[in-house]
Amino acid sequence: WFISAAALKGADALVAADRHRIHLEGRAIAAAAAITAPSRYVLDRVRSHYALELPEAQVIPNAVPPVAEGEAWRPALADANELLFVGRFDRLKGADTALRAFAMAAAARPGLRLTFVGPNSGAIEEDRRSRDCAQFVADELPAEIASRVSFVGQIPHSDIAPLRRRAFLTLIGSRDENFPGTLLEAIAAGSPVVATSVGGIPEIVRHDEEGLLVPPANPPAMAAAIAALLDNPAHAARLGENARRRALAEYAPQSVARRAADHYAEVSMRCRKAS
């Protein structure tokens, strides 16, 4: 919570309840027999924040089910004018960054559209002003460009896969992340991605190898990356294929389960010896 709360609210906006939760979190981590984290980033932050060595802690990534060849993203079937964002409308997930970047990219591409999947009932606070999704769009996007954003809300998980196959790019605008499932699912499908280089994201996607990474809270950089891949669909397809191969090799459930089982066996053995 010391990571997520700061990214969601801003470090200066934490209240007593946040600090109490963080205190309890640290006590629980210190008392645990074993610690695993999906990303090296989070494990290192935990060690530093709570001043804990955690010598037995292990990084075990989250798993993502493989996507069958026939269900994977293919450039010939994708719509070159369609972008996809999957996430909440809030500061942590960077919905503001994605929407602003889309507006910049769409200004030069009259046919470009964005599908926004996820709860849009939240609010984003900037400069001591809180705006819900409707107000943010009205303030930040010209009416013509706003008309090209489709807010579909929170939909069944099974309904996202067809949207991902249809979209030419998936956008990840987060200000912080551990090991985001939305990104894992995108690369498992072979969808080209433009993502922010925060948290554990660079551990999943290497810049210009499995996707394009941009600084957080930087809509012009994200818009430029969107344009670069739209202008070079062959390169976008190569990145997506590289990402899909990596997902199959490193994040398949069987592979991750073996790593977890091995770690739990080591912990069990260590506890038995200690007792």
C-alpha atoms as a PDB file:
ATOM      1  CA  TRP A   1       0.000   0.000   0.000  1.00  0.00           C
ATOM      2  CA  PHE A   2       2.916   2.376   0.493  1.00  0.00           C
ATOM      3  CA  ILE A   3       3.469   2.080  -3.272  1.00  0.00           C
ATOM      4  CA  SER A   4      -0.123   1.926  -4.497  1.00  0.00           C
ATOM      5  CA  ALA A   5      -1.535   4.634  -2.252  1.00  0.00           C
ATOM      6  CA  ALA A   6       1.136   7.134  -3.284  1.00  0.00           C
ATOM      7  CA  ALA A   7       0.544   6.416  -6.964  1.00  0.00           C
ATOM      8  CA  LEU A   8      -3.235   6.532  -6.585  1.00  0.00           C
ATOM      9  CA  LYS A   9      -3.518   9.597  -4.374  1.00  0.00           C
ATOM     10  CA  GLY A  10      -0.151  11.308  -4.539  1.00  0.00           C
ATOM     11  CA  ALA A  11       2.458  10.963  -1.785  1.00  0.00           C
ATOM     12  CA  ASP A  12       1.344  14.168  -0.088  1.00  0.00           C
ATOM     13  CA  ALA A  13      -2.279  13.022   0.161  1.00  0.00           C
ATOM     14  CA  LEU A  14      -1.800  10.019   2.447  1.00  0.00           C
ATOM     15  CA  VAL A  15      -3.925  10.117   5.608  1.00  0.00           C
ATOM     16  CA  ALA A  16      -3.699   8.414   8.987  1.00  0.00           C
ATOM     17  CA  ALA A  17      -5.596   5.348   7.756  1.00  0.00           C
ATOM     18  CA  ASP A  18      -3.058   4.899   4.952  1.00  0.00           C
ATOM     19  CA  ARG A  19      -0.137   5.190   7.344  1.00  0.00           C
ATOM     20  CA  HIS A  20      -1.734   2.672   9.729  1.00  0.00           C
ATOM     21  CA  ARG A  21      -2.327   0.220   6.900  1.00  0.00           C
ATOM     22  CA  ILE A  22       1.279   0.611   5.758  1.00  0.00           C
ATOM     23  CA  HIS A  23       2.506   0.012   9.319  1.00  0.00           C
ATOM     24  CA  LEU A  24       0.487  -3.211   9.585  1.00  0.00           C
ATOM     25  CA  GLU A  25       1.667  -4.286   6.150  1.00  0.00           C
ATOM     26  CA  GLY A  26       5.288  -3.970   7.264  1.00  0.00           C
ATOM     27  CA  ARG A  27       4.646  -6.003  10.429  1.00  0.00           C
ATOM     28  CA  ALA A  28       3.000  -8.773   8.423  1.00  0.00           C
ATOM     29  CA  ILE A  29       5.857  -8.911   5.919  1.00  0.00           C
ATOM     30  CA  ALA A  30       8.462  -9.031   8.694  1.00  0.00           C
ATOM     31  CA  ALA A  31       6.621 -11.913  10.395  1.00  0.00           C
ATOM     32  CA  ALA A  32       6.098 -14.027   7.270  1.00  0.00           C
ATOM     33  CA  ALA A  33       7.880 -17.348   6.860  1.00  0.00           C
ATOM     34  CA  ALA A  34       8.355 -16.641   3.178  1.00  0.00           C
ATOM     35  CA  ILE A  35       7.888 -13.780   0.766  1.00  0.00           C
ATOM     36  CA  THR A  36       7.290 -13.878  -2.971  1.00  0.00           C
ATOM     37  CA  ALA A  37       6.755 -10.952  -5.307  1.00  0.00           C
ATOM     38  CA  PRO A  38       5.792 -10.953  -8.977  1.00  0.00           C
ATOM     39  CA  SER A  39       8.359  -8.263  -9.801  1.00  0.00           C
ATOM     40  CA  ARG A  40      11.892  -7.440  -8.718  1.00  0.00           C
ATOM     41  CA  TYR A  41      10.769  -3.831  -8.559  1.00  0.00           C
ATOM     42  CA  VAL A  42       8.227  -4.409  -5.778  1.00  0.00           C
ATOM     43  CA  LEU A  43      10.494  -6.734  -3.816  1.00  0.00           C
ATOM     44  CA  ASP A  44      13.301  -4.178  -3.847  1.00  0.00           C
ATOM     45  CA  ARG A  45      10.914  -1.378  -2.832  1.00  0.00           C
ATOM     46  CA  VAL A  46       9.593  -3.473   0.076  1.00  0.00           C
ATOM     47  CA  ARG A  47      13.089  -4.278   1.293  1.00  0.00           C
ATOM     48  CA  SER A  48      14.052  -0.616   1.196  1.00  0.00           C
ATOM     49  CA  HIS A  49      10.876   0.879   2.652  1.00  0.00           C
ATOM     50  CA  TYR A  50      10.619  -1.498   5.607  1.00  0.00           C
ATOM     51  CA  ALA A  51      14.391  -1.916   6.084  1.00  0.00           C
ATOM     52  CA  LEU A  52      14.078  -5.694   5.784  1.00  0.00           C
ATOM     53  CA  GLU A  53      16.712  -7.950   4.216  1.00  0.00           C
ATOM     54  CA  LEU A  54      14.292 -10.775   3.326  1.00  0.00           C
ATOM     55  CA  PRO A  55      17.161 -13.039   2.210  1.00  0.00           C
ATOM     56  CA  GLU A  56      14.863 -15.944   1.300  1.00  0.00           C
ATOM     57  CA  ALA A  57      12.422 -13.864  -0.753  1.00  0.00           C
ATOM     58  CA  GLN A  58      11.875 -14.905  -4.342  1.00  0.00           C
ATOM     59  CA  VAL A  59      10.610 -13.198  -7.470  1.00  0.00           C
ATOM     60  CA  ILE A  60       7.975 -15.435  -9.058  1.00  0.00           C
ATOM     61  CA  PRO A  61       6.080 -13.751 -11.898  1.00  0.00           C
ATOM     62  CA  ASN A  62       2.361 -13.925 -12.375  1.00  0.00           C
ATOM     63  CA  ALA A  63       1.193 -16.416 -14.950  1.00  0.00           C
ATOM     64  CA  VAL A  64      -0.922 -15.824 -18.015  1.00  0.00           C
ATOM     65  CA  PRO A  65      -2.753 -18.562 -19.936  1.00  0.00           C
ATOM     66  CA  PRO A  66      -1.435 -19.076 -23.461  1.00  0.00           C
ATOM     67  CA  VAL A  67      -3.571 -17.853 -26.322  1.00  0.00           C
ATOM     68  CA  ALA A  68      -4.194 -20.317 -29.133  1.00  0.00           C
ATOM     69  CA  GLU A  69      -2.762 -19.435 -32.516  1.00  0.00           C
ATOM     70  CA  GLY A  70      -6.197 -18.960 -34.008  1.00  0.00           C
ATOM     71  CA  GLU A  71      -7.196 -16.585 -31.206  1.00  0.00           C
ATOM     72  CA  ALA A  72      -4.028 -14.482 -31.263  1.00  0.00           C
ATOM     73  CA  TRP A  73      -3.708 -10.947 -32.595  1.00  0.00           C
ATOM     74  CA  ARG A  74      -2.967 -10.771 -36.314  1.00  0.00           C
ATOM     75  CA  PRO A  75      -2.208  -7.580 -38.233  1.00  0.00           C
ATOM     76  CA  ALA A  76      -4.407  -8.597 -41.158  1.00  0.00           C
ATOM     77  CA  LEU A  77      -7.457  -8.815 -38.888  1.00  0.00           C
ATOM     78  CA  ALA A  78      -6.739  -5.787 -36.690  1.00  0.00           C
ATOM     79  CA  ASP A  79      -8.233  -2.368 -37.370  1.00  0.00           C
ATOM     80  CA  ALA A  80      -5.420   0.112 -38.025  1.00  0.00           C
ATOM     81  CA  ASN A  81      -7.637   2.879 -36.644  1.00  0.00           C
ATOM     82  CA  GLU A  82      -8.506   1.217 -33.338  1.00  0.00           C
ATOM     83  CA  LEU A  83      -6.700   1.579 -29.985  1.00  0.00           C
ATOM     84  CA  LEU A  84      -7.559  -0.204 -26.736  1.00  0.00           C
ATOM     85  CA  PHE A  85      -7.190   0.843 -23.089  1.00  0.00           C
ATOM     86  CA  VAL A  86      -8.144  -1.580 -20.315  1.00  0.00           C
ATOM     87  CA  GLY A  87      -8.162  -0.154 -16.812  1.00  0.00           C
ATOM     88  CA  ARG A  88      -9.941   2.013 -14.281  1.00  0.00           C
ATOM     89  CA  PHE A  89     -10.445   5.725 -14.734  1.00  0.00           C
ATOM     90  CA  ASP A  90      -8.031   6.848 -12.036  1.00  0.00           C
ATOM     91  CA  ARG A  91      -4.603   8.332 -11.536  1.00  0.00           C
ATOM     92  CA  LEU A  92      -2.840   5.044 -10.788  1.00  0.00           C
ATOM     93  CA  LYS A  93      -3.845   3.416 -14.077  1.00  0.00           C
ATOM     94  CA  GLY A  94      -3.005   6.597 -15.995  1.00  0.00           C
ATOM     95  CA  ALA A  95      -6.328   6.933 -17.774  1.00  0.00           C
ATOM     96  CA  ASP A  96      -5.635  10.659 -18.059  1.00  0.00           C
ATOM     97  CA  THR A  97      -2.345   9.964 -19.846  1.00  0.00           C
ATOM     98  CA  ALA A  98      -3.949   7.522 -22.277  1.00  0.00           C
ATOM     99  CA  LEU A  99      -6.850   9.853 -23.088  1.00  0.00           C
ATOM    100  CA  ARG A 100      -4.597  12.862 -23.620  1.00  0.00           C
ATOM    101  CA  ALA A 101      -2.218  10.825 -25.767  1.00  0.00           C
ATOM    102  CA  PHE A 102      -5.124   9.559 -27.842  1.00  0.00           C
ATOM    103  CA  ALA A 103      -6.347  13.124 -28.373  1.00  0.00           C
ATOM    104  CA  MET A 104      -2.908  14.150 -29.640  1.00  0.00           C
ATOM    105  CA  ALA A 105      -2.608  11.157 -31.964  1.00  0.00           C
ATOM    106  CA  ALA A 106      -6.207  11.475 -33.156  1.00  0.00           C
ATOM    107  CA  ALA A 107      -5.755  15.128 -34.099  1.00  0.00           C
ATOM    108  CA  ALA A 108      -3.556  14.011 -36.991  1.00  0.00           C
ATOM    109  CA  ARG A 109      -5.631  10.897 -37.827  1.00  0.00           C
ATOM    110  CA  PRO A 110      -9.314  11.624 -38.452  1.00  0.00           C
ATOM    111  CA  GLY A 111     -10.281   7.949 -38.360  1.00  0.00           C
ATOM    112  CA  LEU A 112      -8.490   6.973 -35.142  1.00  0.00           C
ATOM    113  CA  ARG A 113     -10.705   5.598 -32.351  1.00  0.00           C
ATOM    114  CA  LEU A 114     -10.181   4.453 -28.750  1.00  0.00           C
ATOM    115  CA  THR A 115     -12.107   1.786 -26.865  1.00  0.00           C
ATOM    116  CA  PHE A 116     -11.928   2.325 -23.093  1.00  0.00           C
ATOM    117  CA  VAL A 117     -12.686  -0.824 -21.082  1.00  0.00           C
ATOM    118  CA  GLY A 118     -13.077  -0.604 -17.336  1.00  0.00           C
ATOM    119  CA  PRO A 119     -14.901   1.271 -14.593  1.00  0.00           C
ATOM    120  CA  ASN A 120     -15.182   4.957 -15.420  1.00  0.00           C
ATOM    121  CA  SER A 121     -16.894   5.964 -12.191  1.00  0.00           C
ATOM    122  CA  GLY A 122     -13.704   7.125 -10.490  1.00  0.00           C
ATOM    123  CA  ALA A 123     -12.105  10.545 -10.395  1.00  0.00           C
ATOM    124  CA  ILE A 124      -8.693  12.028 -11.049  1.00  0.00           C
ATOM    125  CA  GLU A 125      -7.345  14.820  -8.876  1.00  0.00           C
ATOM    126  CA  GLU A 126      -4.956  17.324 -10.406  1.00  0.00           C
ATOM    127  CA  ASP A 127      -3.938  20.706  -9.046  1.00  0.00           C
ATOM    128  CA  ARG A 128      -6.378  20.245  -6.138  1.00  0.00           C
ATOM    129  CA  ARG A 129      -9.251  19.737  -8.544  1.00  0.00           C
ATOM    130  CA  SER A 130     -11.122  16.446  -8.774  1.00  0.00           C
ATOM    131  CA  ARG A 131     -12.826  15.504 -12.056  1.00  0.00           C
ATOM    132  CA  ASP A 132     -14.864  12.479 -12.964  1.00  0.00           C
ATOM    133  CA  CYS A 133     -14.508  10.835 -16.351  1.00  0.00           C
ATOM    134  CA  ALA A 134     -17.234  12.835 -18.095  1.00  0.00           C
ATOM    135  CA  GLN A 135     -15.870  16.153 -16.849  1.00  0.00           C
ATOM    136  CA  PHE A 136     -12.312  15.207 -17.712  1.00  0.00           C
ATOM    137  CA  VAL A 137     -13.265  14.282 -21.280  1.00  0.00           C
ATOM    138  CA  ALA A 138     -15.311  17.451 -21.708  1.00  0.00           C
ATOM    139  CA  ASP A 139     -12.419  19.589 -20.460  1.00  0.00           C
ATOM    140  CA  GLU A 140      -9.525  17.837 -22.163  1.00  0.00           C
ATOM    141  CA  LEU A 141     -10.781  16.432 -25.472  1.00  0.00           C
ATOM    142  CA  PRO A 142     -12.291  18.437 -28.325  1.00  0.00           C
ATOM    143  CA  ALA A 143     -15.865  17.337 -28.953  1.00  0.00           C
ATOM    144  CA  GLU A 144     -15.062  15.714 -32.292  1.00  0.00           C
ATOM    145  CA  ILE A 145     -12.227  13.659 -30.800  1.00  0.00           C
ATOM    146  CA  ALA A 146     -14.256  12.807 -27.694  1.00  0.00           C
ATOM    147  CA  SER A 147     -16.904  11.324 -29.991  1.00  0.00           C
ATOM    148  CA  ARG A 148     -14.310   8.783 -31.119  1.00  0.00           C
ATOM    149  CA  VAL A 149     -13.839   7.364 -27.604  1.00  0.00           C
ATOM    150  CA  SER A 150     -16.098   4.435 -26.749  1.00  0.00           C
ATOM    151  CA  PHE A 151     -16.507   3.843 -23.002  1.00  0.00           C
ATOM    152  CA  VAL A 152     -17.810   0.297 -22.676  1.00  0.00           C
ATOM    153  CA  GLY A 153     -17.483   0.076 -18.892  1.00  0.00           C
ATOM    154  CA  GLN A 154     -16.664  -3.072 -16.954  1.00  0.00           C
ATOM    155  CA  ILE A 155     -17.425  -6.051 -19.166  1.00  0.00           C
ATOM    156  CA  PRO A 156     -16.972  -9.834 -18.777  1.00  0.00           C
ATOM    157  CA  HIS A 157     -13.366 -10.874 -19.087  1.00  0.00           C
ATOM    158  CA  SER A 158     -14.178 -13.110 -22.042  1.00  0.00           C
ATOM    159  CA  ASP A 159     -15.443 -10.088 -23.979  1.00  0.00           C
ATOM    160  CA  ILE A 160     -12.077  -8.322 -23.843  1.00  0.00           C
ATOM    161  CA  ALA A 161     -10.219 -10.824 -26.048  1.00  0.00           C
ATOM    162  CA  PRO A 162     -12.173  -9.935 -29.239  1.00  0.00           C
ATOM    163  CA  LEU A 163     -11.558  -6.232 -28.557  1.00  0.00           C
ATOM    164  CA  ARG A 164      -7.847  -6.917 -28.195  1.00  0.00           C
ATOM    165  CA  ARG A 165      -7.736  -8.783 -31.488  1.00  0.00           C
ATOM    166  CA  ARG A 166      -9.573  -5.938 -33.201  1.00  0.00           C
ATOM    167  CA  ALA A 167      -7.424  -3.108 -31.798  1.00  0.00           C
ATOM    168  CA  PHE A 168      -4.144  -2.345 -33.509  1.00  0.00           C
ATOM    169  CA  LEU A 169      -2.482  -1.249 -30.242  1.00  0.00           C
ATOM    170  CA  THR A 170      -3.029  -1.715 -26.525  1.00  0.00           C
ATOM    171  CA  LEU A 171      -2.193   1.268 -24.296  1.00  0.00           C
ATOM    172  CA  ILE A 172      -0.930   1.001 -20.704  1.00  0.00           C
ATOM    173  CA  GLY A 173      -0.707   4.419 -19.025  1.00  0.00           C
ATOM    174  CA  SER A 174       0.020   3.478 -15.401  1.00  0.00           C
ATOM    175  CA  ARG A 175       1.977   5.645 -12.985  1.00  0.00           C
ATOM    176  CA  ASP A 176       3.037   2.558 -11.025  1.00  0.00           C
ATOM    177  CA  GLU A 177       2.574  -1.173 -11.409  1.00  0.00           C
ATOM    178  CA  ASN A 178       3.655  -4.433  -9.863  1.00  0.00           C
ATOM    179  CA  PHE A 179       3.133  -6.995 -12.646  1.00  0.00           C
ATOM    180  CA  PRO A 180      -0.022  -5.931 -14.471  1.00  0.00           C
ATOM    181  CA  GLY A 181      -2.384  -8.592 -15.710  1.00  0.00           C
ATOM    182  CA  THR A 182      -3.678  -6.358 -18.493  1.00  0.00           C
ATOM    183  CA  LEU A 183      -0.199  -6.170 -19.982  1.00  0.00           C
ATOM    184  CA  LEU A 184       0.394  -9.917 -19.569  1.00  0.00           C
ATOM    185  CA  GLU A 185      -2.855 -10.690 -21.364  1.00  0.00           C
ATOM    186  CA  ALA A 186      -1.998  -8.291 -24.173  1.00  0.00           C
ATOM    187  CA  ILE A 187       1.417  -9.820 -24.834  1.00  0.00           C
ATOM    188  CA  ALA A 188       0.043 -13.361 -24.520  1.00  0.00           C
ATOM    189  CA  ALA A 189      -2.286 -12.481 -27.373  1.00  0.00           C
ATOM    190  CA  GLY A 190       0.546 -10.917 -29.378  1.00  0.00           C
ATOM    191  CA  SER A 191      -1.030  -7.474 -29.279  1.00  0.00           C
ATOM    192  CA  PRO A 192       1.477  -4.639 -29.877  1.00  0.00           C
ATOM    193  CA  VAL A 193       1.669  -2.437 -26.789  1.00  0.00           C
ATOM    194  CA  VAL A 194       2.662   1.084 -25.840  1.00  0.00           C
ATOM    195  CA  ALA A 195       3.237   1.165 -22.095  1.00  0.00           C
ATOM    196  CA  THR A 196       4.758   3.382 -19.443  1.00  0.00           C
ATOM    197  CA  SER A 197       8.183   2.387 -18.145  1.00  0.00           C
ATOM    198  CA  VAL A 198       7.168   2.117 -14.480  1.00  0.00           C
ATOM    199  CA  GLY A 199       7.300  -0.536 -11.788  1.00  0.00           C
ATOM    200  CA  GLY A 200       7.492  -4.089 -13.069  1.00  0.00           C
ATOM    201  CA  ILE A 201       6.461  -3.216 -16.627  1.00  0.00           C
ATOM    202  CA  PRO A 202      10.067  -3.111 -17.969  1.00  0.00           C
ATOM    203  CA  GLU A 203      10.527  -6.609 -16.536  1.00  0.00           C
ATOM    204  CA  ILE A 204       7.734  -7.835 -18.835  1.00  0.00           C
ATOM    205  CA  VAL A 205       8.316  -5.701 -21.924  1.00  0.00           C
ATOM    206  CA  ARG A 206      11.712  -4.508 -23.082  1.00  0.00           C
ATOM    207  CA  HIS A 207      11.665  -1.301 -25.062  1.00  0.00           C
ATOM    208  CA  ASP A 208      11.578  -1.865 -28.797  1.00  0.00           C
ATOM    209  CA  GLU A 209      11.842  -5.626 -28.323  1.00  0.00           C
ATOM    210  CA  GLU A 210       8.374  -6.628 -27.106  1.00  0.00           C
ATOM    211  CA  GLY A 211       6.736  -3.203 -27.129  1.00  0.00           C
ATOM    212  CA  LEU A 212       7.410   0.512 -26.855  1.00  0.00           C
ATOM    213  CA  LEU A 213       7.971   2.054 -23.429  1.00  0.00           C
ATOM    214  CA  VAL A 214       7.449   5.723 -22.636  1.00  0.00           C
ATOM    215  CA  PRO A 215       7.848   7.842 -19.477  1.00  0.00           C
ATOM    216  CA  PRO A 216       4.805   7.984 -17.164  1.00  0.00           C
ATOM    217  CA  ALA A 217       2.454  10.973 -17.201  1.00  0.00           C
ATOM    218  CA  ASN A 218       3.864  12.040 -20.569  1.00  0.00           C
ATOM    219  CA  PRO A 219       1.056  12.144 -23.159  1.00  0.00           C
ATOM    220  CA  PRO A 220       3.254  13.596 -25.944  1.00  0.00           C
ATOM    221  CA  ALA A 221       5.692  10.675 -25.612  1.00  0.00           C
ATOM    222  CA  MET A 222       2.846   8.156 -25.678  1.00  0.00           C
ATOM    223  CA  ALA A 223       1.253   9.884 -28.675  1.00  0.00           C
ATOM    224  CA  ALA A 224       4.595   9.762 -30.519  1.00  0.00           C
ATOM    225  CA  ALA A 225       4.948   6.036 -29.789  1.00  0.00           C
ATOM    226  CA  ILE A 226       1.400   5.407 -31.004  1.00  0.00           C
ATOM    227  CA  ALA A 227       2.166   7.256 -34.232  1.00  0.00           C
ATOM    228  CA  ALA A 228       5.438   5.372 -34.693  1.00  0.00           C
ATOM    229  CA  LEU A 229       3.694   1.984 -34.617  1.00  0.00           C
ATOM    230  CA  LEU A 230       0.712   3.090 -36.682  1.00  0.00           C
ATOM    231  CA  ASP A 231       3.154   4.329 -39.309  1.00  0.00           C
ATOM    232  CA  ASN A 232       5.120   1.071 -39.253  1.00  0.00           C
ATOM    233  CA  PRO A 233       2.675  -1.824 -38.939  1.00  0.00           C
ATOM    234  CA  ALA A 234       5.323  -4.400 -39.795  1.00  0.00           C
ATOM    235  CA  HIS A 235       7.399  -3.320 -36.819  1.00  0.00           C
ATOM    236  CA  ALA A 236       4.313  -3.335 -34.592  1.00  0.00           C
ATOM    237  CA  ALA A 237       3.615  -6.913 -35.665  1.00  0.00           C
ATOM    238  CA  ARG A 238       7.209  -7.963 -34.920  1.00  0.00           C
ATOM    239  CA  LEU A 239       6.986  -6.517 -31.423  1.00  0.00           C
ATOM    240  CA  GLY A 240       3.714  -8.333 -30.831  1.00  0.00           C
ATOM    241  CA  GLU A 241       5.125 -11.648 -32.007  1.00  0.00           C
ATOM    242  CA  ASN A 242       8.234 -11.215 -29.850  1.00  0.00           C
ATOM    243  CA  ALA A 243       6.023 -10.485 -26.870  1.00  0.00           C
ATOM    244  CA  ARG A 244       3.842 -13.529 -27.480  1.00  0.00           C
ATOM    245  CA  ARG A 245       6.899 -15.799 -27.632  1.00  0.00           C
ATOM    246  CA  ARG A 246       8.186 -14.356 -24.370  1.00  0.00           C
ATOM    247  CA  ALA A 247       4.818 -14.857 -22.667  1.00  0.00           C
ATOM    248  CA  LEU A 248       4.779 -18.509 -23.747  1.00  0.00           C
ATOM    249  CA  ALA A 249       8.352 -19.087 -22.595  1.00  0.00           C
ATOM    250  CA  GLU A 250       8.320 -17.267 -19.242  1.00  0.00           C
ATOM    251  CA  TYR A 251       4.751 -16.768 -18.022  1.00  0.00           C
ATOM    252  CA  ALA A 252       2.941 -19.979 -18.953  1.00  0.00           C
ATOM    253  CA  PRO A 253       1.019 -21.351 -15.926  1.00  0.00           C
ATOM    254  CA  GLN A 254       2.946 -24.637 -15.814  1.00  0.00           C
ATOM    255  CA  SER A 255       6.303 -22.856 -15.735  1.00  0.00           C
ATOM    256  CA  VAL A 256       5.251 -20.407 -13.031  1.00  0.00           C
ATOM    257  CA  ALA A 257       3.601 -23.165 -10.982  1.00  0.00           C
ATOM    258  CA  ARG A 258       6.829 -25.197 -10.970  1.00  0.00           C
ATOM    259  CA  ARG A 259       8.773 -22.207  -9.682  1.00  0.00           C
ATOM    260  CA  ALA A 260       6.193 -21.577  -6.958  1.00  0.00           C
ATOM    261  CA  ALA A 261       6.073 -25.238  -5.926  1.00  0.00           C
ATOM    262  CA  ASP A 262       9.871 -25.404  -5.699  1.00  0.00           C
ATOM    263  CA  HIS A 263       9.923 -22.290  -3.523  1.00  0.00           C
ATOM    264  CA  TYR A 264       7.200 -23.572  -1.190  1.00  0.00           C
ATOM    265  CA  ALA A 265       9.036 -26.880  -0.849  1.00  0.00           C
ATOM    266  CA  GLU A 266      12.192 -25.032   0.181  1.00  0.00           C
ATOM    267  CA  VAL A 267      10.241 -22.961   2.713  1.00  0.00           C
ATOM    268  CA  SER A 268       8.563 -26.066   4.117  1.00  0.00           C
ATOM    269  CA  MET A 269      11.893 -27.810   4.511  1.00  0.00           C
ATOM    270  CA  ARG A 270      13.414 -24.785   6.218  1.00  0.00           C
ATOM    271  CA  CYS A 271      10.492 -24.509   8.650  1.00  0.00           C
ATOM    272  CA  ARG A 272      10.667 -28.190   9.535  1.00  0.00           C
ATOM    273  CA  LYS A 273      14.369 -27.896  10.297  1.00  0.00           C
ATOM    274  CA  ALA A 274      13.777 -24.787  12.391  1.00  0.00           C
ATOM    275  CA  SER A 275      11.124 -26.558  14.481  1.00  0.00           C
END
